[in-house]
């Protein structure tokens, strides 16, 4: 304790993320509005990833919240709590299951296709880990994945609705989980109308990836 410490009698101030635009004490809501406006204005043919970069405790969660506050019902908003999952292996299937559920009311066909795509990726990945020849198990699995992506993309174009996926607290992940997350984003790269809002501390992520890739590779992988 410190006898010279002055107390206001108002209690401690909690470090809570912004849940209302009026609570923005750092003047960031205008920048958040500009990002939301840019999402509306972007007619992307492939998925678009927006990185919200800052050190731990710098207000990334609040900024993500404010961006989402500026997005109305014309946007399908998906919040993926990746750090609550039990294992790196469950990241991809959990994400696609969530996405399928969110889109089921808009178009059940999209939900069915996304679910099938998730299982296809999982089957191929599991067999690769067993060091079994992928070509002998599938009739050209890369071509099969490509066909599924084309079908999903065609359905997404028809709904003409932006899909914004928010992924926060990446700073809580370990190296395997970060690597699986980047693979996940890459596996949706050819889907139209999809945007990722990903908050992370770049130096933290780069240091984790050093353990799985050399320095040049990990920087290129993160930039990609």
C-alpha atoms as a PDB file:
ATOM      1  CA  UNK A   1       0.000   0.000   0.000  1.00  0.00           C
ATOM      2  CA  UNK A   2       1.018   3.651  -0.395  1.00  0.00           C
ATOM      3  CA  UNK A   3       0.016   6.186   2.239  1.00  0.00           C
ATOM      4  CA  UNK A   4       0.406   9.018  -0.291  1.00  0.00           C
ATOM      5  CA  UNK A   5      -2.141   7.468  -2.705  1.00  0.00           C
ATOM      6  CA  UNK A   6      -5.210   9.644  -3.139  1.00  0.00           C
ATOM      7  CA  UNK A   7      -8.608   7.957  -3.504  1.00  0.00           C
ATOM      8  CA  UNK A   8     -11.542   9.679  -5.126  1.00  0.00           C
ATOM      9  CA  UNK A   9     -14.142   7.554  -3.380  1.00  0.00           C
ATOM     10  CA  UNK A  10     -15.585   6.535  -6.767  1.00  0.00           C
ATOM     11  CA  UNK A  11     -14.082   3.061  -6.812  1.00  0.00           C
ATOM     12  CA  UNK A  12     -11.749   1.476  -9.350  1.00  0.00           C
ATOM     13  CA  UNK A  13     -12.099   2.034 -13.079  1.00  0.00           C
ATOM     14  CA  UNK A  14     -12.683  -1.189 -14.997  1.00  0.00           C
ATOM     15  CA  UNK A  15     -10.809  -1.809 -18.228  1.00  0.00           C
ATOM     16  CA  UNK A  16     -13.886  -2.752 -20.258  1.00  0.00           C
ATOM     17  CA  UNK A  17     -14.206  -2.642 -24.050  1.00  0.00           C
ATOM     18  CA  UNK A  18     -16.400   0.031 -25.619  1.00  0.00           C
ATOM     19  CA  UNK A  19     -19.992  -1.166 -26.023  1.00  0.00           C
ATOM     20  CA  UNK A  20     -21.484   2.192 -27.038  1.00  0.00           C
ATOM     21  CA  UNK A  21     -20.085   4.819 -29.410  1.00  0.00           C
ATOM     22  CA  UNK A  22     -20.551   7.490 -26.723  1.00  0.00           C
ATOM     23  CA  UNK A  23     -18.010   5.622 -24.566  1.00  0.00           C
ATOM     24  CA  UNK A  24     -15.198   6.227 -27.071  1.00  0.00           C
ATOM     25  CA  UNK A  25     -12.665   8.200 -25.026  1.00  0.00           C
ATOM     26  CA  UNK A  26      -9.856   8.103 -27.585  1.00  0.00           C
ATOM     27  CA  UNK A  27     -11.621   9.527 -30.624  1.00  0.00           C
ATOM     28  CA  UNK A  28     -11.466   6.346 -32.685  1.00  0.00           C
ATOM     29  CA  UNK A  29     -15.115   6.020 -33.684  1.00  0.00           C
ATOM     30  CA  UNK A  30     -14.641   8.146 -36.807  1.00  0.00           C
ATOM     31  CA  UNK A  31     -11.890   5.868 -38.079  1.00  0.00           C
ATOM     32  CA  UNK A  32     -14.123   2.889 -37.264  1.00  0.00           C
ATOM     33  CA  UNK A  33     -16.909   4.510 -39.284  1.00  0.00           C
ATOM     34  CA  UNK A  34     -14.561   5.017 -42.244  1.00  0.00           C
ATOM     35  CA  UNK A  35     -13.582   1.343 -42.215  1.00  0.00           C
ATOM     36  CA  UNK A  36     -17.238   0.297 -42.072  1.00  0.00           C
ATOM     37  CA  UNK A  37     -18.013   2.638 -44.982  1.00  0.00           C
ATOM     38  CA  UNK A  38     -15.123   1.165 -46.984  1.00  0.00           C
ATOM     39  CA  UNK A  39     -16.462  -2.348 -46.374  1.00  0.00           C
ATOM     40  CA  UNK A  40     -19.815  -1.300 -47.841  1.00  0.00           C
ATOM     41  CA  UNK A  41     -18.109   0.329 -50.824  1.00  0.00           C
ATOM     42  CA  UNK A  42     -15.771  -2.584 -51.646  1.00  0.00           C
ATOM     43  CA  UNK A  43     -17.045  -4.991 -54.284  1.00  0.00           C
ATOM     44  CA  UNK A  44     -14.536  -7.716 -53.540  1.00  0.00           C
ATOM     45  CA  UNK A  45     -14.353 -10.828 -55.694  1.00  0.00           C
ATOM     46  CA  UNK A  46     -12.205 -12.560 -53.078  1.00  0.00           C
ATOM     47  CA  UNK A  47     -12.213 -12.430 -49.291  1.00  0.00           C
ATOM     48  CA  UNK A  48     -10.648  -9.349 -47.737  1.00  0.00           C
ATOM     49  CA  UNK A  49      -8.690  -9.377 -44.467  1.00  0.00           C
ATOM     50  CA  UNK A  50      -8.364  -6.227 -42.368  1.00  0.00           C
ATOM     51  CA  UNK A  51      -5.797  -6.350 -39.579  1.00  0.00           C
ATOM     52  CA  UNK A  52      -6.350  -4.260 -36.448  1.00  0.00           C
ATOM     53  CA  UNK A  53      -2.836  -4.163 -35.055  1.00  0.00           C
ATOM     54  CA  UNK A  54      -1.794  -3.015 -31.607  1.00  0.00           C
ATOM     55  CA  UNK A  55      -0.087  -4.095 -28.423  1.00  0.00           C
ATOM     56  CA  UNK A  56      -1.958  -6.010 -25.756  1.00  0.00           C
ATOM     57  CA  UNK A  57      -4.323  -3.663 -23.916  1.00  0.00           C
ATOM     58  CA  UNK A  58      -4.249  -0.937 -26.581  1.00  0.00           C
ATOM     59  CA  UNK A  59      -8.005  -1.048 -27.222  1.00  0.00           C
ATOM     60  CA  UNK A  60      -8.253  -3.410 -30.202  1.00  0.00           C
ATOM     61  CA  UNK A  61     -11.455  -5.008 -28.899  1.00  0.00           C
ATOM     62  CA  UNK A  62     -13.104  -1.615 -28.478  1.00  0.00           C
ATOM     63  CA  UNK A  63     -12.124  -0.654 -32.019  1.00  0.00           C
ATOM     64  CA  UNK A  64     -13.540  -3.891 -33.431  1.00  0.00           C
ATOM     65  CA  UNK A  65     -16.764  -3.265 -31.521  1.00  0.00           C
ATOM     66  CA  UNK A  66     -17.062   0.238 -32.955  1.00  0.00           C
ATOM     67  CA  UNK A  67     -16.558  -0.976 -36.520  1.00  0.00           C
ATOM     68  CA  UNK A  68     -19.362  -3.482 -36.000  1.00  0.00           C
ATOM     69  CA  UNK A  69     -21.577  -0.771 -34.483  1.00  0.00           C
ATOM     70  CA  UNK A  70     -21.306   1.128 -37.756  1.00  0.00           C
ATOM     71  CA  UNK A  71     -22.427  -1.918 -39.752  1.00  0.00           C
ATOM     72  CA  UNK A  72     -26.193  -2.282 -40.067  1.00  0.00           C
ATOM     73  CA  UNK A  73     -28.533  -5.173 -40.855  1.00  0.00           C
ATOM     74  CA  UNK A  74     -27.383  -5.201 -44.484  1.00  0.00           C
ATOM     75  CA  UNK A  75     -24.276  -6.989 -43.221  1.00  0.00           C
ATOM     76  CA  UNK A  76     -24.163 -10.476 -41.759  1.00  0.00           C
ATOM     77  CA  UNK A  77     -21.886 -10.150 -38.720  1.00  0.00           C
ATOM     78  CA  UNK A  78     -20.086 -13.224 -37.408  1.00  0.00           C
ATOM     79  CA  UNK A  79     -17.998 -13.229 -34.220  1.00  0.00           C
ATOM     80  CA  UNK A  80     -15.595 -16.183 -34.018  1.00  0.00           C
ATOM     81  CA  UNK A  81     -14.262 -16.728 -30.477  1.00  0.00           C
ATOM     82  CA  UNK A  82     -11.268 -18.769 -31.541  1.00  0.00           C
ATOM     83  CA  UNK A  83      -9.471 -18.771 -28.175  1.00  0.00           C
ATOM     84  CA  UNK A  84     -12.360 -20.663 -26.515  1.00  0.00           C
ATOM     85  CA  UNK A  85     -11.753 -23.772 -28.620  1.00  0.00           C
ATOM     86  CA  UNK A  86     -10.155 -26.877 -27.163  1.00  0.00           C
ATOM     87  CA  UNK A  87      -7.521 -27.643 -29.806  1.00  0.00           C
ATOM     88  CA  UNK A  88      -5.886 -26.230 -32.952  1.00  0.00           C
ATOM     89  CA  UNK A  89      -7.418 -29.072 -34.962  1.00  0.00           C
ATOM     90  CA  UNK A  90     -10.942 -27.863 -34.132  1.00  0.00           C
ATOM     91  CA  UNK A  91     -10.436 -24.308 -35.417  1.00  0.00           C
ATOM     92  CA  UNK A  92     -11.353 -24.892 -39.059  1.00  0.00           C
ATOM     93  CA  UNK A  93     -14.381 -27.141 -38.502  1.00  0.00           C
ATOM     94  CA  UNK A  94     -15.721 -24.908 -35.698  1.00  0.00           C
ATOM     95  CA  UNK A  95     -15.410 -21.833 -37.890  1.00  0.00           C
ATOM     96  CA  UNK A  96     -17.183 -23.355 -40.884  1.00  0.00           C
ATOM     97  CA  UNK A  97     -19.911 -24.807 -38.657  1.00  0.00           C
ATOM     98  CA  UNK A  98     -20.500 -21.329 -37.213  1.00  0.00           C
ATOM     99  CA  UNK A  99     -20.517 -19.722 -40.654  1.00  0.00           C
ATOM    100  CA  UNK A 100     -22.935 -22.333 -41.987  1.00  0.00           C
ATOM    101  CA  UNK A 101     -25.274 -21.741 -39.040  1.00  0.00           C
ATOM    102  CA  UNK A 102     -25.191 -17.960 -39.540  1.00  0.00           C
ATOM    103  CA  UNK A 103     -25.981 -18.251 -43.249  1.00  0.00           C
ATOM    104  CA  UNK A 104     -28.596 -21.013 -42.985  1.00  0.00           C
ATOM    105  CA  UNK A 105     -31.491 -18.551 -42.652  1.00  0.00           C
ATOM    106  CA  UNK A 106     -30.277 -16.590 -45.680  1.00  0.00           C
ATOM    107  CA  UNK A 107     -29.746 -19.575 -47.964  1.00  0.00           C
ATOM    108  CA  UNK A 108     -29.814 -23.190 -46.699  1.00  0.00           C
ATOM    109  CA  UNK A 109     -27.902 -24.308 -49.811  1.00  0.00           C
ATOM    110  CA  UNK A 110     -24.926 -22.171 -48.798  1.00  0.00           C
ATOM    111  CA  UNK A 111     -24.961 -23.662 -45.308  1.00  0.00           C
ATOM    112  CA  UNK A 112     -24.992 -27.197 -46.719  1.00  0.00           C
ATOM    113  CA  UNK A 113     -22.153 -26.465 -49.148  1.00  0.00           C
ATOM    114  CA  UNK A 114     -20.010 -24.797 -46.490  1.00  0.00           C
ATOM    115  CA  UNK A 115     -20.503 -27.725 -44.132  1.00  0.00           C
ATOM    116  CA  UNK A 116     -19.479 -30.181 -46.875  1.00  0.00           C
ATOM    117  CA  UNK A 117     -16.457 -28.041 -47.764  1.00  0.00           C
ATOM    118  CA  UNK A 118     -15.352 -28.064 -44.123  1.00  0.00           C
ATOM    119  CA  UNK A 119     -15.527 -31.843 -43.931  1.00  0.00           C
ATOM    120  CA  UNK A 120     -13.655 -32.190 -47.223  1.00  0.00           C
ATOM    121  CA  UNK A 121     -10.795 -30.029 -45.921  1.00  0.00           C
ATOM    122  CA  UNK A 122     -10.731 -31.982 -42.667  1.00  0.00           C
ATOM    123  CA  UNK A 123     -10.605 -35.365 -44.406  1.00  0.00           C
ATOM    124  CA  UNK A 124      -7.743 -34.332 -46.655  1.00  0.00           C
ATOM    125  CA  UNK A 125      -5.822 -32.769 -43.793  1.00  0.00           C
ATOM    126  CA  UNK A 126      -6.231 -35.827 -41.571  1.00  0.00           C
ATOM    127  CA  UNK A 127      -4.962 -38.166 -44.249  1.00  0.00           C
ATOM    128  CA  UNK A 128      -2.009 -35.913 -45.002  1.00  0.00           C
ATOM    129  CA  UNK A 129      -1.015 -36.130 -41.341  1.00  0.00           C
ATOM    130  CA  UNK A 130      -0.999 -39.906 -41.621  1.00  0.00           C
ATOM    131  CA  UNK A 131       1.545 -39.646 -44.462  1.00  0.00           C
ATOM    132  CA  UNK A 132      -0.839 -41.347 -46.882  1.00  0.00           C
ATOM    133  CA  UNK A 133      -0.758 -40.414 -50.539  1.00  0.00           C
ATOM    134  CA  UNK A 134      -3.589 -37.921 -51.035  1.00  0.00           C
ATOM    135  CA  UNK A 135      -3.909 -38.714 -54.725  1.00  0.00           C
ATOM    136  CA  UNK A 136      -4.610 -42.379 -53.990  1.00  0.00           C
ATOM    137  CA  UNK A 137      -7.399 -41.471 -51.568  1.00  0.00           C
ATOM    138  CA  UNK A 138      -9.143 -38.834 -53.641  1.00  0.00           C
ATOM    139  CA  UNK A 139      -9.662 -38.266 -57.301  1.00  0.00           C
ATOM    140  CA  UNK A 140      -7.467 -35.191 -57.452  1.00  0.00           C
ATOM    141  CA  UNK A 141      -8.415 -33.566 -54.092  1.00  0.00           C
ATOM    142  CA  UNK A 142      -7.213 -30.104 -55.132  1.00  0.00           C
ATOM    143  CA  UNK A 143      -9.616 -30.158 -58.084  1.00  0.00           C
ATOM    144  CA  UNK A 144     -12.388 -31.380 -55.792  1.00  0.00           C
ATOM    145  CA  UNK A 145     -11.767 -28.506 -53.385  1.00  0.00           C
ATOM    146  CA  UNK A 146     -11.701 -26.081 -56.310  1.00  0.00           C
ATOM    147  CA  UNK A 147     -15.112 -27.262 -57.484  1.00  0.00           C
ATOM    148  CA  UNK A 148     -16.600 -26.857 -54.011  1.00  0.00           C
ATOM    149  CA  UNK A 149     -15.164 -23.346 -53.720  1.00  0.00           C
ATOM    150  CA  UNK A 150     -16.697 -22.379 -57.075  1.00  0.00           C
ATOM    151  CA  UNK A 151     -20.119 -23.639 -55.992  1.00  0.00           C
ATOM    152  CA  UNK A 152     -19.996 -21.785 -52.666  1.00  0.00           C
ATOM    153  CA  UNK A 153     -18.750 -18.619 -54.344  1.00  0.00           C
ATOM    154  CA  UNK A 154     -21.598 -18.691 -56.873  1.00  0.00           C
ATOM    155  CA  UNK A 155     -24.148 -18.958 -54.057  1.00  0.00           C
ATOM    156  CA  UNK A 156     -22.492 -16.126 -52.104  1.00  0.00           C
ATOM    157  CA  UNK A 157     -22.683 -13.875 -55.153  1.00  0.00           C
ATOM    158  CA  UNK A 158     -26.416 -14.492 -55.407  1.00  0.00           C
ATOM    159  CA  UNK A 159     -27.202 -13.316 -51.869  1.00  0.00           C
ATOM    160  CA  UNK A 160     -25.413  -9.995 -52.518  1.00  0.00           C
ATOM    161  CA  UNK A 161     -24.705  -9.422 -48.835  1.00  0.00           C
ATOM    162  CA  UNK A 162     -21.462  -8.580 -47.068  1.00  0.00           C
ATOM    163  CA  UNK A 163     -20.296 -11.087 -44.465  1.00  0.00           C
ATOM    164  CA  UNK A 164     -18.002  -9.590 -41.813  1.00  0.00           C
ATOM    165  CA  UNK A 165     -16.163 -12.072 -39.592  1.00  0.00           C
ATOM    166  CA  UNK A 166     -14.565 -10.660 -36.437  1.00  0.00           C
ATOM    167  CA  UNK A 167     -11.715 -12.574 -34.783  1.00  0.00           C
ATOM    168  CA  UNK A 168     -10.380 -11.006 -31.596  1.00  0.00           C
ATOM    169  CA  UNK A 169      -7.845 -11.997 -28.941  1.00  0.00           C
ATOM    170  CA  UNK A 170      -5.433 -13.640 -31.382  1.00  0.00           C
ATOM    171  CA  UNK A 171      -2.774 -12.590 -28.854  1.00  0.00           C
ATOM    172  CA  UNK A 172      -4.021 -15.380 -26.582  1.00  0.00           C
ATOM    173  CA  UNK A 173      -3.225 -18.127 -29.080  1.00  0.00           C
ATOM    174  CA  UNK A 174      -0.191 -20.381 -29.219  1.00  0.00           C
ATOM    175  CA  UNK A 175       1.891 -20.966 -32.360  1.00  0.00           C
ATOM    176  CA  UNK A 176      -0.114 -23.970 -33.592  1.00  0.00           C
ATOM    177  CA  UNK A 177      -3.390 -22.107 -33.170  1.00  0.00           C
ATOM    178  CA  UNK A 178      -2.086 -19.031 -34.994  1.00  0.00           C
ATOM    179  CA  UNK A 179      -0.863 -21.187 -37.870  1.00  0.00           C
ATOM    180  CA  UNK A 180      -4.265 -22.909 -38.111  1.00  0.00           C
ATOM    181  CA  UNK A 181      -6.001 -19.523 -38.078  1.00  0.00           C
ATOM    182  CA  UNK A 182      -3.907 -18.267 -40.984  1.00  0.00           C
ATOM    183  CA  UNK A 183      -4.630 -21.485 -42.875  1.00  0.00           C
ATOM    184  CA  UNK A 184      -8.320 -20.955 -42.190  1.00  0.00           C
ATOM    185  CA  UNK A 185      -8.305 -17.434 -43.629  1.00  0.00           C
ATOM    186  CA  UNK A 186      -6.399 -18.711 -46.638  1.00  0.00           C
ATOM    187  CA  UNK A 187      -8.977 -21.490 -47.203  1.00  0.00           C
ATOM    188  CA  UNK A 188     -11.689 -18.829 -47.653  1.00  0.00           C
ATOM    189  CA  UNK A 189      -9.557 -16.628 -49.914  1.00  0.00           C
ATOM    190  CA  UNK A 190     -11.689 -17.178 -53.023  1.00  0.00           C
ATOM    191  CA  UNK A 191     -15.048 -16.423 -51.421  1.00  0.00           C
ATOM    192  CA  UNK A 192     -16.725 -13.205 -52.523  1.00  0.00           C
ATOM    193  CA  UNK A 193     -18.371 -10.728 -50.120  1.00  0.00           C
ATOM    194  CA  UNK A 194     -16.408 -12.025 -47.110  1.00  0.00           C
ATOM    195  CA  UNK A 195     -14.389  -9.690 -44.876  1.00  0.00           C
ATOM    196  CA  UNK A 196     -12.227 -10.627 -41.892  1.00  0.00           C
ATOM    197  CA  UNK A 197     -11.578  -8.200 -39.048  1.00  0.00           C
ATOM    198  CA  UNK A 198      -8.622  -9.683 -37.164  1.00  0.00           C
ATOM    199  CA  UNK A 199      -7.067  -8.036 -34.100  1.00  0.00           C
ATOM    200  CA  UNK A 200      -3.525  -8.954 -33.126  1.00  0.00           C
ATOM    201  CA  UNK A 201      -0.145  -7.785 -31.884  1.00  0.00           C
ATOM    202  CA  UNK A 202       2.065  -8.225 -34.954  1.00  0.00           C
ATOM    203  CA  UNK A 203       5.326  -8.726 -33.068  1.00  0.00           C
ATOM    204  CA  UNK A 204       3.712 -11.387 -30.867  1.00  0.00           C
ATOM    205  CA  UNK A 205       2.408 -13.302 -33.895  1.00  0.00           C
ATOM    206  CA  UNK A 206       5.718 -13.026 -35.766  1.00  0.00           C
ATOM    207  CA  UNK A 207       7.613 -14.375 -32.765  1.00  0.00           C
ATOM    208  CA  UNK A 208       5.269 -17.356 -32.564  1.00  0.00           C
ATOM    209  CA  UNK A 209       5.603 -18.132 -36.258  1.00  0.00           C
ATOM    210  CA  UNK A 210       9.408 -18.095 -36.060  1.00  0.00           C
ATOM    211  CA  UNK A 211       9.102 -21.473 -34.347  1.00  0.00           C
ATOM    212  CA  UNK A 212       7.315 -23.003 -37.352  1.00  0.00           C
ATOM    213  CA  UNK A 213       8.873 -21.105 -40.291  1.00  0.00           C
ATOM    214  CA  UNK A 214      12.065 -19.244 -41.047  1.00  0.00           C
ATOM    215  CA  UNK A 215      12.042 -15.478 -40.627  1.00  0.00           C
ATOM    216  CA  UNK A 216      11.433 -14.598 -44.264  1.00  0.00           C
ATOM    217  CA  UNK A 217       8.721 -17.220 -44.699  1.00  0.00           C
ATOM    218  CA  UNK A 218       6.774 -16.197 -41.609  1.00  0.00           C
ATOM    219  CA  UNK A 219       6.703 -12.525 -42.634  1.00  0.00           C
ATOM    220  CA  UNK A 220       5.484 -13.423 -46.129  1.00  0.00           C
ATOM    221  CA  UNK A 221       2.922 -15.821 -44.669  1.00  0.00           C
ATOM    222  CA  UNK A 222       1.523 -13.200 -42.297  1.00  0.00           C
ATOM    223  CA  UNK A 223       1.461 -10.508 -44.990  1.00  0.00           C
ATOM    224  CA  UNK A 224      -0.331 -12.862 -47.357  1.00  0.00           C
END
